Protein backbone atom coordinates (compact mmCIF):
# COMPACT_ATOMS: atom_id res chain seq x y z
CA PRO A 1 -8.02 -18.89 -7.22
CA VAL A 2 -5.71 -18.61 -4.22
CA GLN A 3 -6.41 -15.44 -2.24
CA ALA A 4 -4.40 -13.59 0.41
CA ALA A 5 -5.64 -14.48 3.90
CA ARG A 6 -4.73 -10.97 5.11
CA GLY A 7 -3.39 -7.80 3.59
CA GLY A 8 0.37 -7.39 3.41
CA ARG A 9 3.48 -7.05 1.26
CA VAL A 10 4.82 -9.68 -1.13
CA VAL A 11 8.26 -10.57 0.25
CA LYS A 12 9.12 -13.30 -2.22
CA VAL A 13 7.88 -15.03 -5.34
CA ALA A 14 10.02 -18.08 -6.07
CA GLY A 15 10.18 -21.79 -6.78
CA ASP A 16 11.19 -24.70 -4.57
CA PRO A 17 11.58 -28.45 -5.30
CA VAL A 18 9.15 -29.34 -2.49
CA LEU A 19 6.78 -26.34 -2.45
CA GLY A 20 6.70 -25.69 -6.18
CA SER A 21 6.08 -22.04 -7.06
CA TYR A 22 5.23 -19.99 -3.98
CA VAL A 23 4.39 -16.52 -2.64
CA LEU A 24 5.49 -15.28 0.80
CA LEU A 25 3.53 -12.39 2.37
CA ASP A 26 4.62 -10.18 5.28
CA HIS A 27 1.65 -8.97 7.33
CA GLY A 28 3.71 -6.97 9.82
CA GLU A 29 4.55 -7.58 13.47
CA GLY A 30 6.40 -10.80 12.60
CA CYS A 31 3.41 -12.48 10.92
CA TYR A 32 3.92 -14.19 7.53
CA THR A 33 1.85 -16.47 5.30
CA LEU A 34 3.21 -18.75 2.59
CA TYR A 35 1.22 -20.09 -0.36
CA GLY A 36 2.92 -22.96 -2.23
CA GLY A 37 1.98 -25.14 -5.17
CA LEU A 38 0.90 -22.16 -7.27
CA ASP A 39 0.53 -21.68 -10.99
CA ARG A 40 -0.09 -18.43 -12.89
CA ILE A 41 1.15 -16.21 -10.06
CA GLN A 42 -0.43 -12.76 -10.36
CA VAL A 43 1.71 -10.74 -7.91
CA THR A 44 5.31 -9.52 -7.82
CA GLY A 45 7.90 -8.96 -5.11
CA GLY A 46 7.37 -5.75 -3.14
CA GLN A 47 3.71 -5.44 -4.15
CA GLN A 48 1.11 -4.52 -1.50
CA VAL A 49 -1.89 -6.86 -1.52
CA ALA A 50 -5.29 -6.66 0.14
CA ALA A 51 -7.04 -9.44 2.03
CA GLY A 52 -8.84 -11.57 -0.55
CA GLN A 53 -6.68 -10.42 -3.46
CA VAL A 54 -5.88 -13.22 -5.92
CA LEU A 55 -2.25 -14.33 -5.68
CA GLY A 56 -2.44 -17.06 -8.32
CA ARG A 57 -4.02 -20.42 -9.04
CA VAL A 58 -3.36 -23.87 -7.60
CA GLY A 59 -1.01 -25.73 -9.90
CA ASN A 60 1.35 -28.66 -9.72
CA LYS A 61 3.11 -28.72 -6.37
CA GLY A 62 6.72 -29.85 -6.40
CA ASP A 63 6.29 -33.11 -4.44
CA VAL A 64 2.56 -33.86 -4.85
CA PRO A 65 1.26 -35.42 -8.07
CA GLY A 66 -1.80 -33.52 -9.28
CA GLY A 67 -1.03 -30.46 -7.19
CA GLY A 68 -2.56 -28.84 -4.14
CA LEU A 69 -2.14 -25.71 -2.04
CA HIS A 70 0.53 -25.63 0.67
CA PHE A 71 -0.41 -22.93 3.24
CA GLU A 72 1.71 -21.88 6.21
CA MET A 73 1.27 -19.18 8.82
CA ARG A 74 4.21 -18.06 10.96
CA GLU A 75 4.52 -15.65 13.84
CA LYS A 76 8.03 -14.64 14.81
CA ASP A 77 9.52 -17.60 12.86
CA LYS A 78 7.25 -20.14 14.60
CA LEU A 79 4.69 -22.18 12.65
CA ILE A 80 1.18 -21.67 14.01
CA ASP A 81 -2.19 -23.29 13.37
CA PRO A 82 -3.91 -21.00 10.83
CA LEU A 83 -7.36 -21.91 12.17
CA SER A 84 -6.46 -20.29 15.49
CA ARG A 85 -6.04 -16.92 13.73
CA MET A 86 -8.79 -17.05 11.11
CA PRO A 87 -12.29 -16.68 12.58
CA GLY A 88 -15.01 -18.35 10.57
CA LEU A 89 -12.83 -21.31 9.60
CA GLY A 90 -13.23 -23.22 12.84
CA GLY A 91 -10.76 -21.05 14.78
CA ARG A 92 -11.04 -20.02 18.38
């Protein structure tokens, strides 16, 4: 299962030719996470989610045969290294 890295609000559940099906979460203060390449999405737009809540399952990603998770973290519209913000995963 693909789980929310942090609690927040589901901003968008959609599909994209490159990302496949994806979920975009707003964590407040300009911080967003995006989870692409999903299958069996279990959340809806506007829903509040808790850290660790299942968003869906990894499925076939739009541009990657066999699938895989695409994960992005943004702060104020700038891509950031997720490891720098997630202690316990090799972050600072």
